[in-house]
């Protein structure tokens, strides 16, 4: 269960890392903090469940707290590894930002180079 959630978090981190938004928050989020926020997304990302409001709330929290380039790159690597390890379906991960109304400037892609994230 935790393993599958880690995969989802990895995918969401990729989105966050790719994002170039600026935020006034200085409370950076760690991988260990981000992963539990994606727990409500697990069944959606690895299975056939519908996306839940709680999933979108967690994803938005991670997105908003990834406030620096370095933080986004670290989350990108974390979530990318977790997604691969726990079997997140790439097509589901790609749909999540749209379903949660998160406006990412770049698409979610498992082949992203996290070092290129701004």
N, C-alpha and C. Protein backbone atom coordinates (compact mmCIF):
# COMPACT_ATOMS: atom_id res chain seq x y z
N UNK A 1 0.83 -1.18 0.00
CA UNK A 1 0.00 0.00 0.00
C UNK A 1 0.88 1.25 0.00
N UNK A 2 1.82 1.32 0.91
CA UNK A 2 2.72 2.47 0.98
C UNK A 2 3.59 2.51 -0.27
N UNK A 3 3.97 1.35 -0.76
CA UNK A 3 4.81 1.29 -1.95
C UNK A 3 4.10 1.87 -3.16
N UNK A 4 2.85 1.54 -3.34
CA UNK A 4 2.09 2.06 -4.47
C UNK A 4 1.90 3.56 -4.35
N UNK A 5 1.71 4.02 -3.14
CA UNK A 5 1.54 5.45 -2.93
C UNK A 5 2.83 6.18 -3.27
N UNK A 6 3.95 5.56 -2.98
CA UNK A 6 5.24 6.16 -3.28
C UNK A 6 5.39 6.39 -4.77
N UNK A 7 4.88 5.48 -5.56
CA UNK A 7 4.95 5.61 -7.00
C UNK A 7 4.16 6.83 -7.45
N UNK A 8 3.00 6.97 -6.92
CA UNK A 8 2.16 8.10 -7.28
C UNK A 8 2.84 9.40 -6.89
N UNK A 9 3.40 9.41 -5.74
CA UNK A 9 4.09 10.61 -5.27
C UNK A 9 5.24 10.93 -6.20
N UNK A 10 5.91 9.92 -6.69
CA UNK A 10 7.01 10.15 -7.62
C UNK A 10 6.51 10.84 -8.87
N UNK A 11 5.40 10.40 -9.36
CA UNK A 11 4.83 11.00 -10.55
C UNK A 11 4.44 12.44 -10.29
N UNK A 12 3.80 12.68 -9.16
CA UNK A 12 3.39 14.04 -8.84
C UNK A 12 4.60 14.94 -8.64
N UNK A 13 5.64 14.40 -8.10
CA UNK A 13 6.84 15.19 -7.92
C UNK A 13 7.39 15.61 -9.27
N UNK A 14 7.32 14.72 -10.24
CA UNK A 14 7.75 15.09 -11.58
C UNK A 14 6.99 16.32 -12.05
N UNK A 15 5.71 16.33 -11.83
CA UNK A 15 4.91 17.48 -12.24
C UNK A 15 5.40 18.73 -11.54
N UNK A 16 5.65 18.57 -10.27
CA UNK A 16 6.07 19.72 -9.47
C UNK A 16 7.44 20.21 -9.92
N UNK A 17 8.30 19.29 -10.23
CA UNK A 17 9.63 19.66 -10.64
C UNK A 17 9.61 20.38 -11.98
N UNK A 18 8.73 19.96 -12.83
CA UNK A 18 8.62 20.57 -14.14
C UNK A 18 8.00 21.94 -14.09
N UNK A 19 7.30 22.18 -13.05
CA UNK A 19 6.60 23.45 -12.90
C UNK A 19 7.59 24.57 -12.64
N UNK A 20 7.32 25.70 -13.22
CA UNK A 20 8.18 26.87 -12.99
C UNK A 20 7.43 27.96 -12.25
N UNK A 21 6.32 27.56 -11.62
CA UNK A 21 5.54 28.55 -10.89
C UNK A 21 6.35 29.11 -9.73
N UNK A 22 6.00 30.30 -9.32
CA UNK A 22 6.63 30.87 -8.13
C UNK A 22 5.60 30.91 -7.02
N UNK A 23 6.08 30.81 -5.82
CA UNK A 23 5.17 30.81 -4.68
C UNK A 23 5.78 31.62 -3.56
N UNK A 24 4.95 32.12 -2.71
CA UNK A 24 5.44 32.91 -1.58
C UNK A 24 5.78 32.02 -0.40
N UNK A 25 5.44 30.74 -0.50
CA UNK A 25 5.73 29.84 0.61
C UNK A 25 7.22 29.49 0.61
N UNK A 26 7.79 29.38 1.78
CA UNK A 26 9.18 29.00 1.90
C UNK A 26 9.31 27.66 2.60
N UNK A 27 8.21 27.05 2.92
CA UNK A 27 8.18 25.77 3.61
C UNK A 27 8.29 24.64 2.59
N UNK A 28 9.53 24.32 2.21
CA UNK A 28 9.75 23.28 1.21
C UNK A 28 9.26 21.93 1.72
N UNK A 29 8.85 21.10 0.79
CA UNK A 29 8.33 19.78 1.13
C UNK A 29 9.37 18.72 0.80
N UNK A 30 9.49 17.74 1.67
CA UNK A 30 10.43 16.64 1.45
C UNK A 30 9.70 15.47 0.80
N UNK A 31 10.46 14.53 0.31
CA UNK A 31 9.88 13.32 -0.26
C UNK A 31 9.05 12.59 0.79
N UNK A 32 9.59 12.47 1.99
CA UNK A 32 8.88 11.77 3.07
C UNK A 32 7.57 12.46 3.45
N UNK A 33 7.50 13.77 3.25
CA UNK A 33 6.26 14.50 3.53
C UNK A 33 5.28 14.39 2.36
N UNK A 34 5.82 14.35 1.15
CA UNK A 34 4.97 14.33 -0.04
C UNK A 34 4.27 12.99 -0.25
N UNK A 35 4.97 11.92 -0.03
CA UNK A 35 4.41 10.59 -0.31
C UNK A 35 3.08 10.34 0.41
N UNK A 36 2.97 10.60 1.70
CA UNK A 36 1.68 10.36 2.36
C UNK A 36 0.53 11.21 1.80
N UNK A 37 0.87 12.36 1.24
CA UNK A 37 -0.17 13.22 0.68
C UNK A 37 -0.82 12.60 -0.56
N UNK A 38 -0.12 11.66 -1.18
CA UNK A 38 -0.64 10.98 -2.36
C UNK A 38 -1.34 9.66 -2.03
N UNK A 39 -1.38 9.30 -0.77
CA UNK A 39 -2.02 8.04 -0.39
C UNK A 39 -3.44 7.92 -0.94
N UNK A 40 -4.25 8.98 -0.89
CA UNK A 40 -5.61 8.87 -1.44
C UNK A 40 -5.64 8.66 -2.96
N UNK A 41 -4.51 8.80 -3.62
CA UNK A 41 -4.45 8.65 -5.08
C UNK A 41 -4.05 7.24 -5.51
N UNK A 42 -3.62 6.43 -4.56
CA UNK A 42 -3.06 5.12 -4.88
C UNK A 42 -3.96 4.27 -5.76
N UNK A 43 -5.20 4.10 -5.37
CA UNK A 43 -6.11 3.23 -6.13
C UNK A 43 -6.38 3.78 -7.53
N UNK A 44 -6.35 5.07 -7.67
CA UNK A 44 -6.51 5.68 -9.00
C UNK A 44 -5.27 5.41 -9.85
N UNK A 45 -4.09 5.63 -9.30
CA UNK A 45 -2.84 5.54 -10.06
C UNK A 45 -2.44 4.13 -10.46
N UNK A 46 -2.78 3.16 -9.65
CA UNK A 46 -2.36 1.78 -9.96
C UNK A 46 -3.52 0.87 -10.34
N UNK A 47 -4.73 1.37 -10.20
CA UNK A 47 -5.89 0.53 -10.46
C UNK A 47 -6.90 1.20 -11.36
N UNK A 48 -8.16 0.96 -11.05
CA UNK A 48 -9.24 1.48 -11.90
C UNK A 48 -10.19 2.40 -11.14
N UNK A 49 -9.83 2.78 -9.93
CA UNK A 49 -10.70 3.66 -9.13
C UNK A 49 -10.76 5.06 -9.73
N UNK A 50 -11.82 5.77 -9.40
CA UNK A 50 -11.96 7.17 -9.80
C UNK A 50 -11.07 8.02 -8.89
N UNK A 51 -10.68 9.17 -9.40
CA UNK A 51 -9.88 10.10 -8.60
C UNK A 51 -10.77 10.72 -7.53
N UNK A 52 -10.21 10.94 -6.35
CA UNK A 52 -11.00 11.48 -5.24
C UNK A 52 -10.60 12.93 -4.94
N UNK A 53 -11.49 13.67 -4.29
CA UNK A 53 -11.15 15.03 -3.87
C UNK A 53 -9.92 15.05 -2.95
N UNK A 54 -9.78 14.03 -2.11
CA UNK A 54 -8.64 13.97 -1.19
C UNK A 54 -7.34 13.80 -1.97
N UNK A 55 -7.39 13.04 -3.06
CA UNK A 55 -6.21 12.88 -3.91
C UNK A 55 -5.80 14.23 -4.47
N UNK A 56 -6.75 14.96 -5.00
CA UNK A 56 -6.44 16.27 -5.59
C UNK A 56 -5.94 17.26 -4.54
N UNK A 57 -6.49 17.19 -3.34
CA UNK A 57 -6.02 18.07 -2.26
C UNK A 57 -4.55 17.80 -1.96
N UNK A 58 -4.18 16.53 -1.86
CA UNK A 58 -2.80 16.17 -1.59
C UNK A 58 -1.87 16.60 -2.71
N UNK A 59 -2.29 16.35 -3.95
CA UNK A 59 -1.48 16.73 -5.11
C UNK A 59 -1.27 18.25 -5.15
N UNK A 60 -2.31 19.00 -4.89
CA UNK A 60 -2.20 20.46 -4.88
C UNK A 60 -1.28 20.95 -3.76
N UNK A 61 -1.34 20.32 -2.62
CA UNK A 61 -0.46 20.69 -1.51
C UNK A 61 1.00 20.49 -1.89
N UNK A 62 1.31 19.35 -2.48
CA UNK A 62 2.69 19.08 -2.90
C UNK A 62 3.11 20.10 -3.95
N UNK A 63 2.26 20.33 -4.92
CA UNK A 63 2.57 21.28 -5.99
C UNK A 63 2.89 22.67 -5.43
N UNK A 64 2.08 23.14 -4.51
CA UNK A 64 2.27 24.47 -3.94
C UNK A 64 3.50 24.58 -3.05
N UNK A 65 3.87 23.49 -2.39
CA UNK A 65 5.00 23.55 -1.46
C UNK A 65 6.35 23.30 -2.13
N UNK A 66 6.35 22.86 -3.37
CA UNK A 66 7.61 22.67 -4.09
C UNK A 66 8.04 24.04 -4.62
N UNK A 67 8.68 24.81 -3.75
CA UNK A 67 8.86 26.24 -4.02
C UNK A 67 10.20 26.65 -4.60
N UNK A 68 11.16 25.75 -4.67
CA UNK A 68 12.45 26.11 -5.24
C UNK A 68 12.83 25.10 -6.32
N UNK A 69 13.73 25.50 -7.18
CA UNK A 69 14.20 24.59 -8.23
C UNK A 69 14.79 23.33 -7.62
N UNK A 70 15.64 23.48 -6.62
CA UNK A 70 16.27 22.32 -5.99
C UNK A 70 15.22 21.40 -5.36
N UNK A 71 14.24 21.98 -4.69
CA UNK A 71 13.18 21.18 -4.07
C UNK A 71 12.39 20.42 -5.13
N UNK A 72 12.06 21.08 -6.24
CA UNK A 72 11.32 20.42 -7.32
C UNK A 72 12.13 19.30 -7.94
N UNK A 73 13.43 19.50 -8.09
CA UNK A 73 14.28 18.44 -8.66
C UNK A 73 14.35 17.24 -7.73
N UNK A 74 14.49 17.49 -6.44
CA UNK A 74 14.54 16.39 -5.47
C UNK A 74 13.22 15.62 -5.45
N UNK A 75 12.11 16.33 -5.46
CA UNK A 75 10.80 15.66 -5.49
C UNK A 75 10.61 14.90 -6.79
N UNK A 76 11.07 15.46 -7.88
CA UNK A 76 10.98 14.79 -9.17
C UNK A 76 11.67 13.42 -9.10
N UNK A 77 12.89 13.40 -8.62
CA UNK A 77 13.63 12.14 -8.51
C UNK A 77 12.94 11.16 -7.58
N UNK A 78 12.49 11.65 -6.46
CA UNK A 78 11.81 10.82 -5.48
C UNK A 78 10.56 10.18 -6.08
N UNK A 79 9.72 10.99 -6.68
CA UNK A 79 8.46 10.49 -7.22
C UNK A 79 8.66 9.64 -8.46
N UNK A 80 9.64 9.98 -9.25
CA UNK A 80 9.94 9.18 -10.44
C UNK A 80 10.35 7.77 -10.03
N UNK A 81 11.21 7.67 -9.04
CA UNK A 81 11.64 6.36 -8.54
C UNK A 81 10.48 5.59 -7.93
N UNK A 82 9.67 6.26 -7.16
CA UNK A 82 8.53 5.60 -6.52
C UNK A 82 7.53 5.11 -7.56
N UNK A 83 7.28 5.91 -8.57
CA UNK A 83 6.32 5.53 -9.62
C UNK A 83 6.79 4.27 -10.34
N UNK A 84 8.06 4.22 -10.63
CA UNK A 84 8.62 3.05 -11.30
C UNK A 84 8.57 1.82 -10.41
N UNK A 85 8.91 2.00 -9.18
CA UNK A 85 8.98 0.89 -8.23
C UNK A 85 7.61 0.28 -7.93
N UNK A 86 6.58 1.10 -7.88
CA UNK A 86 5.29 0.61 -7.42
C UNK A 86 4.22 0.45 -8.49
N UNK A 87 4.61 0.60 -9.73
CA UNK A 87 3.69 0.29 -10.81
C UNK A 87 2.61 1.30 -11.11
N UNK A 88 2.93 2.56 -10.95
CA UNK A 88 1.97 3.60 -11.32
C UNK A 88 1.78 3.54 -12.84
N UNK A 89 0.54 3.59 -13.27
CA UNK A 89 0.23 3.58 -14.69
C UNK A 89 0.50 4.97 -15.26
N UNK A 90 1.47 5.06 -16.21
CA UNK A 90 1.84 6.38 -16.75
C UNK A 90 0.66 7.18 -17.28
N UNK A 91 -0.28 6.52 -17.95
CA UNK A 91 -1.42 7.25 -18.49
C UNK A 91 -2.28 7.86 -17.39
N UNK A 92 -2.39 7.15 -16.27
CA UNK A 92 -3.16 7.68 -15.13
C UNK A 92 -2.44 8.88 -14.53
N UNK A 93 -1.11 8.76 -14.39
CA UNK A 93 -0.33 9.86 -13.81
C UNK A 93 -0.43 11.10 -14.69
N UNK A 94 -0.41 10.91 -16.00
CA UNK A 94 -0.50 12.04 -16.92
C UNK A 94 -1.84 12.75 -16.83
N UNK A 95 -2.89 12.01 -16.50
CA UNK A 95 -4.23 12.59 -16.42
C UNK A 95 -4.48 13.33 -15.10
N UNK A 96 -3.73 12.98 -14.08
CA UNK A 96 -4.00 13.53 -12.75
C UNK A 96 -4.00 15.06 -12.69
N UNK A 97 -3.01 15.75 -13.26
CA UNK A 97 -3.04 17.22 -13.16
C UNK A 97 -4.32 17.82 -13.76
N UNK A 98 -4.73 17.31 -14.88
CA UNK A 98 -5.95 17.84 -15.51
C UNK A 98 -7.17 17.55 -14.65
N UNK A 99 -7.27 16.33 -14.16
CA UNK A 99 -8.42 15.95 -13.34
C UNK A 99 -8.47 16.74 -12.03
N UNK A 100 -7.30 17.11 -11.52
CA UNK A 100 -7.23 17.87 -10.26
C UNK A 100 -7.14 19.38 -10.51
N UNK A 101 -7.19 19.77 -11.76
CA UNK A 101 -7.12 21.19 -12.13
C UNK A 101 -5.83 21.85 -11.65
N UNK A 102 -4.73 21.12 -11.86
CA UNK A 102 -3.40 21.64 -11.55
C UNK A 102 -2.78 22.02 -12.90
N UNK A 103 -2.45 23.28 -13.07
CA UNK A 103 -1.95 23.78 -14.34
C UNK A 103 -0.43 23.68 -14.39
N UNK A 104 0.06 22.55 -14.90
CA UNK A 104 1.50 22.36 -15.02
C UNK A 104 1.96 22.84 -16.39
N UNK A 105 3.10 23.53 -16.46
CA UNK A 105 3.58 24.06 -17.73
C UNK A 105 4.17 22.98 -18.64
N UNK A 106 4.43 21.81 -18.12
CA UNK A 106 4.97 20.70 -18.90
C UNK A 106 4.21 19.42 -18.58
N UNK A 107 4.15 18.50 -19.52
CA UNK A 107 3.41 17.25 -19.27
C UNK A 107 4.18 16.32 -18.33
N UNK A 108 3.44 15.46 -17.66
CA UNK A 108 4.05 14.43 -16.83
C UNK A 108 4.61 13.38 -17.78
N UNK A 109 5.89 13.04 -17.60
CA UNK A 109 6.54 12.10 -18.49
C UNK A 109 7.55 11.28 -17.69
N UNK A 110 7.43 9.94 -17.72
CA UNK A 110 8.36 9.11 -16.95
C UNK A 110 9.81 9.20 -17.42
N UNK A 111 10.04 9.74 -18.62
CA UNK A 111 11.41 9.84 -19.12
C UNK A 111 12.04 11.21 -18.85
N UNK A 112 11.38 12.03 -18.04
CA UNK A 112 11.89 13.37 -17.76
C UNK A 112 13.25 13.32 -17.06
N UNK A 113 14.12 14.23 -17.44
CA UNK A 113 15.40 14.39 -16.76
C UNK A 113 15.16 15.38 -15.62
N UNK A 114 15.17 14.88 -14.41
CA UNK A 114 14.86 15.73 -13.25
C UNK A 114 15.83 16.89 -13.09
N UNK A 115 17.05 16.75 -13.60
CA UNK A 115 18.02 17.84 -13.51
C UNK A 115 17.65 19.01 -14.41
N UNK A 116 16.73 18.78 -15.34
CA UNK A 116 16.31 19.86 -16.24
C UNK A 116 15.12 20.64 -15.70
N UNK A 117 14.59 20.21 -14.58
CA UNK A 117 13.44 20.87 -13.98
C UNK A 117 13.85 22.22 -13.41
N UNK A 118 13.06 23.23 -13.71
CA UNK A 118 13.38 24.58 -13.22
C UNK A 118 12.68 24.86 -11.92
